[in-house]
Protein backbone atom coordinates (compact mmCIF):
# COMPACT_ATOMS: atom_id res chain seq x y z
CA MET A 1 -68.68 -31.00 -23.16
CA ALA A 2 -66.32 -31.78 -26.17
CA LEU A 3 -64.53 -28.92 -27.87
CA PRO A 4 -65.63 -28.04 -31.36
CA PRO A 5 -63.08 -29.48 -34.00
CA LYS A 6 -61.84 -26.01 -34.99
CA TYR A 7 -60.76 -25.26 -31.36
CA PHE A 8 -58.99 -28.63 -31.06
CA LEU A 9 -57.09 -27.98 -34.31
CA LEU A 10 -56.12 -24.44 -33.10
CA MET A 11 -54.69 -25.94 -29.78
CA ILE A 12 -52.55 -28.40 -31.77
CA ALA A 13 -51.24 -25.52 -33.91
CA TRP A 14 -50.22 -23.51 -30.83
CA TYR A 15 -48.54 -26.54 -29.31
CA VAL A 16 -46.45 -27.08 -32.50
CA VAL A 17 -45.45 -23.39 -32.54
CA LEU A 18 -44.41 -23.40 -28.99
CA SER A 19 -42.49 -26.65 -29.27
CA CYS A 20 -40.54 -25.29 -32.28
CA ALA A 21 -39.76 -21.85 -30.68
CA PRO A 22 -36.01 -21.34 -30.21
CA GLN A 23 -34.79 -21.92 -26.54
CA SER A 24 -32.61 -19.50 -24.67
CA ASP A 25 -28.85 -20.56 -24.73
CA ALA A 26 -28.46 -19.16 -21.10
CA PRO A 27 -30.51 -21.15 -18.61
CA GLU A 28 -31.66 -19.41 -15.49
CA ARG A 29 -29.06 -19.36 -12.78
CA THR A 30 -28.67 -18.10 -9.22
CA VAL A 31 -25.76 -16.34 -7.64
CA ASP A 32 -25.19 -15.79 -3.86
CA VAL A 33 -24.96 -11.95 -4.29
CA LEU A 34 -25.79 -9.75 -7.19
CA ILE A 35 -24.43 -6.16 -7.22
CA SER A 36 -26.97 -4.51 -9.42
CA GLY A 37 -26.93 -1.36 -11.56
CA GLY A 38 -23.62 0.21 -10.56
CA LEU A 39 -20.97 1.88 -12.66
CA VAL A 40 -18.41 -0.91 -12.89
CA TYR A 41 -14.71 -0.40 -13.33
CA SER A 42 -12.83 -3.59 -14.00
CA GLY A 43 -9.43 -2.32 -12.92
CA ALA A 44 -7.92 -2.60 -16.34
CA GLU A 45 -5.83 0.11 -18.15
CA GLY A 46 -8.16 2.23 -20.30
CA ASP A 47 -11.38 1.11 -18.75
CA ARG A 48 -13.87 3.95 -18.46
CA GLY A 49 -16.61 2.26 -16.54
CA GLU A 50 -19.82 0.53 -17.69
CA LEU A 51 -23.27 0.03 -16.11
CA GLN A 52 -23.23 -3.57 -15.21
CA ASP A 53 -24.28 -6.21 -12.70
CA VAL A 54 -21.74 -8.31 -10.75
CA GLY A 55 -22.48 -11.68 -9.42
CA ILE A 56 -20.66 -13.46 -6.49
CA THR A 57 -20.93 -17.03 -5.47
CA ALA A 58 -18.82 -18.27 -2.54
CA ASP A 59 -15.46 -16.32 -2.82
CA ARG A 60 -15.66 -15.89 -6.66
CA ILE A 61 -16.90 -13.42 -9.15
CA VAL A 62 -19.03 -15.54 -11.39
CA PHE A 63 -20.93 -13.06 -13.52
CA VAL A 64 -20.24 -9.61 -15.04
CA GLY A 65 -22.93 -8.33 -17.42
CA ASP A 66 -26.67 -7.61 -17.74
CA ALA A 67 -28.32 -9.90 -15.22
CA ASP A 68 -31.85 -9.49 -16.68
CA ALA A 69 -30.76 -10.33 -20.17
CA GLU A 70 -28.82 -13.42 -18.93
CA ASP A 71 -31.56 -14.63 -16.56
CA VAL A 72 -29.31 -14.29 -13.45
CA ASN A 73 -31.19 -14.33 -10.19
CA ALA A 74 -29.64 -13.84 -6.65
CA GLN A 75 -30.13 -14.95 -3.08
CA VAL A 76 -29.23 -11.39 -2.12
CA THR A 77 -29.37 -8.29 -4.37
CA VAL A 78 -27.32 -5.14 -3.58
CA ASN A 79 -28.60 -2.00 -5.18
CA ALA A 80 -25.65 -0.08 -6.54
CA GLU A 81 -27.50 2.53 -8.62
CA ASN A 82 -25.56 5.84 -8.62
CA LEU A 83 -22.55 4.11 -6.97
CA ILE A 84 -19.20 2.98 -8.31
CA VAL A 85 -18.30 -0.66 -8.24
CA ALA A 86 -14.58 -1.43 -8.41
CA PRO A 87 -12.10 -4.15 -7.37
CA GLY A 88 -11.24 -3.83 -3.74
CA PHE A 89 -8.36 -1.40 -3.35
CA ILE A 90 -4.81 -2.86 -2.77
CA ASP A 91 -2.36 -0.94 -0.61
CA PRO A 92 1.20 -1.92 -1.50
CA HIS A 93 2.85 -0.09 1.38
CA THR A 94 1.57 -0.41 4.87
CA HIS A 95 2.95 -0.85 8.37
CA SER A 96 0.00 -2.91 9.50
CA LEU A 97 1.59 -6.23 10.42
CA SER A 98 1.62 -5.53 14.17
CA ASP A 99 -1.92 -4.45 14.03
CA LEU A 100 -2.99 -7.67 12.12
CA LEU A 101 -1.15 -9.79 14.61
CA SER A 102 -3.06 -8.06 17.53
CA GLU A 103 -6.32 -9.17 18.98
CA ALA A 104 -7.60 -5.58 19.10
CA GLU A 105 -6.67 -4.34 15.60
CA ARG A 106 -6.68 -7.48 13.48
CA LEU A 107 -9.97 -6.44 11.68
CA ASN A 108 -7.93 -3.61 10.05
CA ALA A 109 -11.02 -1.40 10.09
CA ASN A 110 -9.12 1.74 9.13
CA TYR A 111 -8.28 0.08 5.87
CA LEU A 112 -11.63 -1.59 5.32
CA THR A 113 -13.46 1.79 5.63
CA GLN A 114 -11.13 3.16 2.88
CA GLY A 115 -12.28 0.42 0.54
CA VAL A 116 -9.00 -1.55 0.92
CA THR A 117 -9.36 -5.31 0.79
CA THR A 118 -5.68 -6.28 0.64
CA VAL A 119 -2.58 -4.71 2.31
CA LEU A 120 1.03 -5.56 1.74
CA ALA A 121 3.38 -5.38 4.80
CA GLY A 122 6.97 -5.76 5.76
CA ASN A 123 8.11 -2.62 3.82
CA ASP A 124 11.13 -0.37 4.32
CA GLY A 125 13.38 -3.37 5.00
CA ASP A 126 11.53 -4.34 8.19
CA GLY A 127 9.68 -7.43 6.94
CA PRO A 128 9.85 -10.62 9.02
CA VAL A 129 12.26 -13.43 8.08
CA GLU A 130 10.04 -16.14 9.34
CA ILE A 131 7.48 -15.77 6.56
CA ALA A 132 5.70 -19.16 6.87
CA SER A 133 5.13 -18.89 10.56
CA THR A 134 3.97 -15.32 10.34
CA LEU A 135 1.51 -16.14 7.56
CA ASN A 136 0.27 -19.19 9.47
CA GLN A 137 -0.28 -17.06 12.54
CA LEU A 138 -2.33 -14.55 10.59
CA GLU A 139 -4.38 -17.31 9.10
CA ASN A 140 -5.02 -19.06 12.45
CA ASN A 141 -5.85 -15.78 14.32
CA GLY A 142 -8.04 -14.37 11.57
CA VAL A 143 -7.75 -10.99 9.83
CA GLY A 144 -10.15 -8.50 8.30
CA THR A 145 -8.19 -7.77 5.12
CA ASN A 146 -6.00 -9.95 2.92
CA VAL A 147 -2.25 -9.50 3.60
CA GLY A 148 0.91 -10.28 1.81
CA LEU A 149 4.51 -9.95 3.14
CA PHE A 150 7.92 -8.85 2.03
CA VAL A 151 11.04 -10.17 3.66
CA GLY A 152 13.08 -7.25 4.99
CA HIS A 153 16.73 -6.48 4.24
CA ASN A 154 17.22 -4.69 7.57
CA THR A 155 15.80 -7.59 9.42
CA ILE A 156 18.05 -10.00 7.57
CA ARG A 157 21.05 -7.87 8.11
CA LYS A 158 20.46 -7.63 11.86
CA SER A 159 19.96 -11.39 12.07
CA VAL A 160 23.42 -12.01 10.43
CA ILE A 161 25.62 -9.00 11.05
CA GLY A 162 23.80 -7.09 13.78
CA GLY A 163 23.81 -3.34 13.78
CA ALA A 164 27.41 -2.97 12.72
CA ASP A 165 28.45 -0.56 9.98
CA ARG A 166 30.67 -2.98 8.04
CA THR A 167 30.70 -4.84 4.65
CA PRO A 168 29.47 -8.45 4.99
CA THR A 169 32.00 -11.29 4.38
CA GLN A 170 31.27 -13.81 1.69
CA HIS A 171 29.94 -16.12 4.37
CA ASP A 172 27.70 -13.37 5.65
CA THR A 173 26.32 -12.82 2.21
CA GLU A 174 25.66 -16.41 1.61
CA ARG A 175 23.87 -16.67 4.96
CA MET A 176 21.71 -13.64 4.05
CA GLN A 177 20.92 -15.10 0.60
CA ASP A 178 19.84 -18.31 2.31
CA VAL A 179 17.40 -16.31 4.37
CA VAL A 180 15.91 -14.68 1.26
CA ARG A 181 15.69 -18.05 -0.56
CA THR A 182 13.77 -19.63 2.39
CA ALA A 183 11.46 -16.60 2.65
CA MET A 184 10.68 -16.72 -1.03
CA VAL A 185 9.85 -20.48 -0.85
CA GLU A 186 7.64 -19.68 2.03
CA GLY A 187 5.64 -17.22 0.06
CA ALA A 188 7.28 -13.74 0.43
CA LEU A 189 6.26 -11.34 -2.38
CA GLY A 190 9.90 -10.07 -2.63
CA LEU A 191 12.67 -8.41 -0.75
CA SER A 192 12.10 -4.95 0.68
CA SER A 193 14.86 -2.55 1.74
CA GLY A 194 15.07 0.67 3.80
CA LEU A 195 18.40 2.06 2.76
CA TYR A 196 17.75 5.32 4.56
CA TYR A 197 17.57 3.51 7.95
CA ALA A 198 20.31 1.89 9.90
CA PRO A 199 21.52 -0.81 9.55
CA GLY A 200 20.29 -0.96 5.95
CA SER A 201 22.03 2.38 5.36
CA PHE A 202 25.39 0.65 5.98
CA ALA A 203 24.86 -1.74 3.05
CA ARG A 204 26.54 -1.10 -0.29
CA THR A 205 24.89 -1.66 -3.71
CA ASP A 206 26.60 -5.10 -4.28
CA GLU A 207 25.01 -6.49 -1.16
CA LEU A 208 21.49 -5.55 -2.33
CA VAL A 209 22.30 -6.94 -5.74
CA ALA A 210 23.22 -10.27 -4.23
CA LEU A 211 20.06 -10.54 -2.20
CA ALA A 212 17.72 -9.19 -4.87
CA SER A 213 19.12 -11.72 -7.34
CA VAL A 214 17.85 -14.58 -5.09
CA ALA A 215 14.37 -12.96 -4.82
CA ALA A 216 14.27 -12.63 -8.67
CA GLN A 217 14.98 -16.27 -9.12
CA TYR A 218 11.59 -16.94 -7.50
CA GLY A 219 9.65 -14.13 -9.24
CA GLY A 220 10.03 -11.73 -6.44
CA VAL A 221 10.13 -7.89 -6.64
CA TYR A 222 12.85 -5.64 -5.13
CA GLU A 223 10.82 -3.02 -3.22
CA SER A 224 12.86 -0.24 -1.82
CA HIS A 225 12.72 2.83 0.38
CA ILE A 226 15.63 4.28 -1.52
CA ARG A 227 18.81 5.44 0.13
CA ASP A 228 17.94 9.19 -0.07
CA GLU A 229 14.73 10.99 -0.94
CA SER A 230 16.38 14.33 -0.34
CA SER A 231 19.96 15.51 0.10
CA TYR A 232 20.95 13.56 3.20
CA SER A 233 23.58 11.37 1.68
CA VAL A 234 23.94 10.46 -2.03
CA GLY A 235 20.97 12.73 -3.06
CA LEU A 236 17.59 11.77 -4.58
CA LEU A 237 18.67 11.24 -8.18
CA ALA A 238 21.73 9.04 -7.23
CA ALA A 239 19.42 7.03 -5.03
CA VAL A 240 16.99 6.39 -7.80
CA ASP A 241 19.97 5.48 -10.08
CA GLU A 242 21.09 2.88 -7.46
CA ALA A 243 17.64 1.32 -7.26
CA LEU A 244 17.67 1.00 -11.06
CA GLU A 245 21.14 -0.42 -11.04
CA ILE A 246 20.05 -3.05 -8.44
CA GLY A 247 17.15 -4.11 -10.61
CA MET A 248 19.26 -4.27 -13.75
CA ARG A 249 22.07 -6.25 -12.21
CA SER A 250 19.79 -8.70 -10.25
CA SER A 251 17.07 -9.01 -12.86
CA ALA A 252 14.51 -8.16 -10.21
CA PRO A 253 11.53 -5.92 -11.02
CA VAL A 254 12.09 -2.63 -9.12
CA HIS A 255 9.36 -0.90 -7.11
CA ILE A 256 10.23 2.40 -5.47
CA ALA A 257 8.31 2.98 -2.19
CA HIS A 258 6.41 6.22 -1.49
CA ILE A 259 8.07 8.05 -4.32
CA LYS A 260 8.72 11.81 -3.45
CA ALA A 261 11.03 14.71 -3.48
CA LEU A 262 11.57 15.46 0.15
CA GLY A 263 12.82 18.80 1.32
CA VAL A 264 13.73 22.09 -0.09
CA ASP A 265 17.04 20.89 -1.71
CA VAL A 266 15.23 18.55 -4.07
CA TRP A 267 11.91 20.28 -4.81
CA GLY A 268 11.31 20.21 -8.57
CA GLN A 269 13.42 17.12 -9.09
CA SER A 270 10.32 15.03 -9.77
CA ALA A 271 10.86 15.73 -13.49
CA ASP A 272 14.42 14.24 -13.47
CA VAL A 273 13.28 11.22 -11.44
CA ILE A 274 10.42 10.53 -13.89
CA GLU A 275 12.87 10.93 -16.82
CA ARG A 276 15.25 8.38 -15.35
CA ILE A 277 12.46 5.84 -14.63
CA GLU A 278 10.84 6.32 -18.07
CA GLY A 279 14.19 5.72 -19.65
CA ALA A 280 14.80 2.57 -17.76
CA ARG A 281 11.25 1.29 -18.69
CA ARG A 282 11.80 2.11 -22.37
CA ALA A 283 15.02 0.02 -22.12
CA GLY A 284 13.04 -3.01 -20.95
CA GLN A 285 13.29 -2.77 -17.05
CA GLN A 286 10.21 -3.40 -14.93
CA VAL A 287 10.16 -0.22 -12.80
CA THR A 288 7.09 1.04 -10.78
CA ALA A 289 6.43 3.10 -7.67
CA ASP A 290 3.77 3.98 -5.17
CA GLN A 291 2.74 7.22 -3.51
CA TYR A 292 0.68 8.48 -0.58
CA PRO A 293 -1.41 11.65 -1.27
CA TRP A 294 -0.03 13.94 1.53
CA ALA A 295 2.47 16.79 1.58
CA ALA A 296 3.81 15.55 4.97
CA SER A 297 5.73 12.41 5.43
CA GLY A 298 5.85 10.52 8.79
CA THR A 299 8.81 9.34 10.67
CA HIS A 300 10.60 9.53 14.07
CA ILE A 301 12.60 12.43 15.32
CA SER A 302 15.64 10.13 15.43
CA ASN A 303 15.13 9.16 11.74
CA ALA A 304 14.53 12.74 10.59
CA LEU A 305 17.35 14.45 12.46
CA ILE A 306 19.92 12.15 14.03
CA PRO A 307 22.77 11.26 11.53
CA ASN A 308 23.23 7.64 10.73
CA TRP A 309 26.77 7.61 11.99
CA ALA A 310 25.46 8.18 15.46
CA LYS A 311 22.99 5.23 15.19
CA ALA A 312 25.46 2.48 14.35
CA GLY A 313 25.22 -0.45 16.68
CA SER A 314 22.88 -0.71 19.72
CA LEU A 315 20.45 1.74 21.20
CA GLU A 316 22.87 2.09 24.15
CA GLU A 317 25.63 3.00 21.79
CA LEU A 318 23.45 5.70 20.20
CA TYR A 319 22.63 7.20 23.72
CA ALA A 320 26.27 7.20 24.53
CA ARG A 321 27.19 9.18 21.40
CA LEU A 322 24.41 11.65 22.17
CA ARG A 323 25.91 12.22 25.61
CA ASP A 324 29.54 12.31 24.48
CA PRO A 325 30.79 15.94 24.79
CA SER A 326 33.59 15.32 22.11
CA LEU A 327 30.91 14.40 19.63
CA ARG A 328 28.63 17.19 20.40
CA PRO A 329 29.88 19.78 17.89
CA LYS A 330 29.62 17.45 14.95
CA LEU A 331 26.20 16.22 16.22
CA VAL A 332 24.89 19.63 16.49
CA MET A 333 26.12 20.67 13.08
CA ASP A 334 24.52 17.56 11.44
CA ILE A 335 21.16 18.04 13.20
CA GLU A 336 21.00 21.67 12.28
CA GLU A 337 21.60 20.74 8.58
CA ASN A 338 18.95 18.05 8.75
CA LEU A 339 16.47 20.49 10.32
CA ARG A 340 17.19 22.97 7.40
CA LYS A 341 16.53 20.22 4.92
CA ARG A 342 13.20 19.41 6.61
CA GLY A 343 12.10 23.00 6.44
CA GLY A 344 12.91 23.92 10.00
CA ALA A 345 11.70 23.07 13.52
CA ASP A 346 8.22 24.49 12.85
CA ALA A 347 7.68 22.06 9.98
CA LEU A 348 7.95 18.98 12.28
CA LEU A 349 4.68 18.25 14.13
CA ILE A 350 4.87 15.64 16.97
CA VAL A 351 2.01 13.16 16.60
CA VAL A 352 2.95 10.33 18.82
CA GLY A 353 5.05 10.56 22.01
CA ARG A 354 4.73 12.08 25.46
CA GLU A 355 1.55 13.94 26.09
CA ALA A 356 3.26 17.23 26.65
CA TRP A 357 4.76 17.02 23.13
CA VAL A 358 1.90 15.65 21.04
CA GLY A 359 0.19 18.27 18.89
CA LYS A 360 3.11 20.71 19.10
CA THR A 361 5.83 21.39 16.66
CA LEU A 362 9.41 20.75 17.59
CA LEU A 363 9.83 24.53 17.72
CA GLU A 364 6.93 24.88 20.16
CA VAL A 365 8.30 22.17 22.44
CA ALA A 366 11.75 23.89 22.34
CA GLN A 367 10.15 27.12 23.33
CA ASP A 368 8.33 25.39 26.20
CA ARG A 369 11.68 24.08 27.44
CA GLN A 370 13.43 27.42 26.79
CA GLU A 371 16.19 25.91 24.65
CA ASP A 372 17.12 25.61 20.97
CA PRO A 373 15.44 22.89 18.87
CA VAL A 374 18.65 20.81 18.46
CA LYS A 375 18.93 20.33 22.22
CA THR A 376 15.21 19.52 22.34
CA ALA A 377 15.54 16.95 19.53
CA ILE A 378 18.29 15.22 21.37
CA HIS A 379 16.24 15.34 24.56
CA ILE A 380 13.21 13.68 22.88
CA VAL A 381 15.35 10.84 21.38
CA MET A 382 16.97 10.25 24.84
CA GLU A 383 13.50 10.15 26.42
CA GLY A 384 12.19 7.43 24.04
CA ASP A 385 11.72 9.23 20.74
CA ALA A 386 8.58 10.58 19.12
CA ARG A 387 6.75 10.25 15.74
CA VAL A 388 6.46 13.39 13.68
CA ALA A 389 4.57 14.53 10.61
CA SER A 390 7.17 16.25 8.54
CA PHE A 391 5.78 18.93 6.15
CA ASN A 392 8.44 18.78 3.37
CA MET A 393 6.87 18.17 -0.03
CA GLN A 394 5.49 20.64 -2.62
CA GLU A 395 2.26 19.99 -4.57
CA SER A 396 3.75 20.19 -8.01
CA ASP A 397 5.99 17.31 -7.26
CA ILE A 398 3.18 15.30 -5.76
CA GLU A 399 1.00 15.80 -8.80
CA ALA A 400 3.83 15.08 -11.26
CA PHE A 401 4.42 11.66 -9.71
CA MET A 402 0.72 10.98 -9.41
CA SER A 403 0.16 11.56 -13.10
CA GLN A 404 2.39 8.63 -14.16
CA THR A 405 0.67 5.40 -15.24
CA TRP A 406 3.29 3.35 -13.18
CA VAL A 407 2.66 5.09 -9.87
CA ALA A 408 0.18 3.20 -7.66
CA THR A 409 -1.74 4.44 -4.69
CA SER A 410 -0.40 3.63 -1.18
CA SER A 411 -0.69 4.88 2.47
CA ASP A 412 2.56 4.11 4.17
CA GLY A 413 0.29 4.13 7.18
CA THR A 414 1.81 4.88 10.46
CA ASP A 415 0.39 5.93 13.87
CA GLY A 416 -0.36 9.63 14.35
CA HIS A 417 -0.56 10.39 10.53
CA PRO A 418 -3.95 10.58 8.84
CA ARG A 419 -2.66 8.60 5.92
CA LYS A 420 -3.24 5.35 7.93
CA PHE A 421 -6.97 6.11 8.01
CA GLY A 422 -7.62 8.15 4.87
CA SER A 423 -5.21 7.88 1.94
CA PHE A 424 -7.38 6.26 -0.63
CA PRO A 425 -10.43 8.50 -0.14
CA ARG A 426 -8.21 11.51 0.16
CA LYS A 427 -6.63 10.76 -3.21
CA TYR A 428 -10.05 10.39 -4.74
CA HIS A 429 -11.62 13.40 -3.08
CA HIS A 430 -8.76 15.84 -3.38
CA TYR A 431 -7.00 14.78 -6.55
CA VAL A 432 -9.89 13.37 -8.65
CA VAL A 433 -12.85 15.39 -7.55
CA GLU A 434 -11.47 18.71 -6.38
CA LYS A 435 -8.33 19.14 -8.50
CA GLY A 436 -8.83 16.91 -11.46
CA THR A 437 -5.19 15.73 -11.37
CA ILE A 438 -6.17 12.25 -12.39
CA SER A 439 -9.44 10.86 -13.66
CA GLN A 440 -11.82 8.50 -11.72
CA ALA A 441 -10.77 5.63 -13.99
CA GLU A 442 -7.00 6.38 -13.45
CA PHE A 443 -7.53 6.42 -9.69
CA ILE A 444 -9.19 3.06 -9.74
CA ARG A 445 -6.66 1.49 -12.01
CA ARG A 446 -3.75 2.66 -9.89
CA SER A 447 -5.50 1.43 -6.70
CA THR A 448 -6.33 -2.05 -8.07
CA GLY A 449 -5.20 -3.80 -11.18
CA LEU A 450 -1.85 -2.04 -11.49
CA VAL A 451 -0.93 -3.17 -7.93
CA ALA A 452 -1.99 -6.74 -8.54
CA ASP A 453 0.08 -6.79 -11.62
CA ILE A 454 3.21 -5.41 -10.06
CA PHE A 455 3.18 -7.97 -7.22
CA ASP A 456 1.61 -10.85 -9.12
CA LEU A 457 -1.51 -11.12 -6.86
CA CYS A 458 -3.16 -14.02 -8.51
CA LYS A 459 -6.85 -13.59 -9.36
CA ARG A 460 -7.14 -10.25 -7.59
CA GLY A 461 -7.28 -6.57 -8.55
CA TYR A 462 -9.88 -7.00 -11.36
CA ILE A 463 -13.60 -7.54 -11.69
CA ARG A 464 -13.56 -10.46 -14.00
CA GLU A 465 -15.30 -13.80 -13.90
CA ASP A 466 -13.43 -16.43 -11.85
CA PHE A 467 -11.50 -13.73 -9.96
CA ILE A 468 -11.74 -13.42 -6.17
CA GLY A 469 -14.69 -11.48 -4.93
CA ASP A 470 -12.81 -8.51 -3.42
CA ILE A 471 -15.15 -5.60 -4.39
CA VAL A 472 -15.76 -2.09 -3.21
CA VAL A 473 -19.07 -0.22 -3.78
CA PHE A 474 -18.59 3.47 -2.93
CA ASP A 475 -20.58 6.69 -3.24
CA PRO A 476 -18.63 9.17 -5.43
CA GLN A 477 -20.44 11.99 -3.80
CA ARG A 478 -19.40 11.02 -0.23
CA PHE A 479 -16.09 9.13 -0.62
CA ALA A 480 -13.69 11.27 1.42
CA GLU A 481 -11.25 11.15 4.29
CA ASN A 482 -12.18 12.35 7.73
CA ALA A 483 -8.82 11.83 9.42
CA THR A 484 -6.71 15.03 10.12
CA PHE A 485 -3.35 15.72 11.74
CA SER A 486 -5.16 16.76 14.93
CA GLU A 487 -7.63 13.77 14.72
CA PRO A 488 -5.68 11.11 12.81
CA LYS A 489 -7.83 8.12 13.74
CA ARG A 490 -11.16 9.24 12.26
CA MET A 491 -12.64 6.58 9.87
CA SER A 492 -13.31 7.52 6.23
CA SER A 493 -16.72 7.94 4.65
CA GLY A 494 -18.45 6.81 1.52
CA VAL A 495 -17.90 3.09 1.23
CA VAL A 496 -21.39 1.66 1.13
CA HIS A 497 -20.56 -2.10 0.54
CA LEU A 498 -17.34 -4.02 0.70
CA PHE A 499 -16.65 -7.69 -0.11
CA VAL A 500 -13.53 -9.47 1.08
CA ASN A 501 -13.21 -12.96 -0.55
CA GLY A 502 -16.87 -12.82 -1.39
CA ALA A 503 -18.03 -12.00 2.17
CA ALA A 504 -19.66 -8.77 3.16
CA ALA A 505 -17.22 -6.72 5.30
CA ILE A 506 -19.32 -3.53 5.02
CA SER A 507 -23.13 -3.53 4.32
CA ASN A 508 -25.02 -0.34 3.77
CA GLY A 509 -22.20 1.71 5.26
CA THR A 510 -21.94 -0.46 8.44
CA LEU A 511 -18.78 -2.37 9.26
CA ASN A 512 -19.66 -6.09 9.91
CA LYS A 513 -16.48 -6.93 11.94
CA THR A 514 -15.99 -10.18 10.04
CA LEU A 515 -12.60 -11.68 9.69
CA THR A 516 -12.77 -12.87 6.18
CA GLY A 517 -9.28 -11.80 5.00
CA LYS A 518 -6.53 -14.27 3.99
CA PRO A 519 -2.77 -14.37 4.09
CA LEU A 520 -1.48 -14.25 0.41
CA ARG A 521 1.57 -16.15 -0.67
CA ARG A 522 3.60 -15.23 -3.76
CA ALA A 523 2.19 -16.66 -7.04
CA GLN A 524 -0.28 -18.93 -5.20
CA CYS A 525 -3.72 -18.89 -6.66
CA ASN A 526 -6.53 -19.49 -4.26
């Protein structure tokens, strides 16, 4: 049956209207994963968070905004309502290289469960000199997190001079510079130093300037465990001044590792350190630092108590000096003084070592042995040494450093200390939620974009389109550390989802055990 003319004319009119209607400028598109409805922090300075959706395709962030308004669909949608979405955390100071090179620990689960997607290793002057082969090995074996490397001054010095306490010749210096040059070409992020530790402690400032100058030529950073964080040698303030001098003379950006005021002699000096660094920054120097959120440091008995003069040369030479009766009076006097600076034998908790020692303070082990703590310390070193948690910092200094815009979050993760398993959630839970020392936005900035900026980690550290899909989604009500000094290997809680290079490393709180991390080379965009 034919339509009446008036209906026919009406249909034509509607066709014309629909044909002339404006079309959407944003055609429908599909992403692999859409993180929907979370409070998104970009990682930028001053960002206060915004309810947004984040789209990932392959290893890239391809969308940030309102998915409904932009007609963005997804193969998989992750519900992030009431959760925080941030760039994956970046830890600038870890001791995770041996773990990442091992079959058993290469997943780096203790960092993934903290929301960390990238770790930097080779700190404290101990970085490898064979950068290319180490990065290739990591890539071939597979790793759970991304990893970047520093070339280490101590390692370089040992390879050229050995453990001797002497000034390098011009030829020695040129050989060490060649090692730095090769490492930088192969992708090192910069030069790390550990001037508190032998043989780095034997180096003078000019030596560090000569090596840092080479790193600077390639855009590298001078990253340093400074010569003294206490009053062991030159003192905290003079050690900071030395780091600034090295940066100024070499033109290298300076990054001070695990910044602190360690021991009773320097408590309260955080204000002076901050003033010096702020002055250098105002004068145009690039100076930054990182910090772990614990009042106890971690080291070995030998590093904490045995004087450096006794450690020159080989391990056999150290043992010979410890046994030498003629050296015993000076050795005892120096160890007693170091114990005082550390707060006494009851402030050193043994966390890794012989079963009979672990979980006890040095004082308790000495009492078990019915001898004074100095003799016990020497005995422990002679029997293979032990790792200790050294309770030597005060809260006001920790918070003063943490409040600076140029201080990033780190772990300095070592075995036996809970910082290896819980530093990032502890900083959030204790210093953001409980104490309010810093804001949520400041915590995220200093755990993400700030670190990427310091070490020039291309396309990482921010939630922006075309950046790499390293993203953490965590529950602000549950994000907390579980590791303690008595149980240092307990995984953290509260990371609901984690993406490393766009792949799900944690889904709905469950670790996926996927090796989707990558080795990162200086200034190389992936």
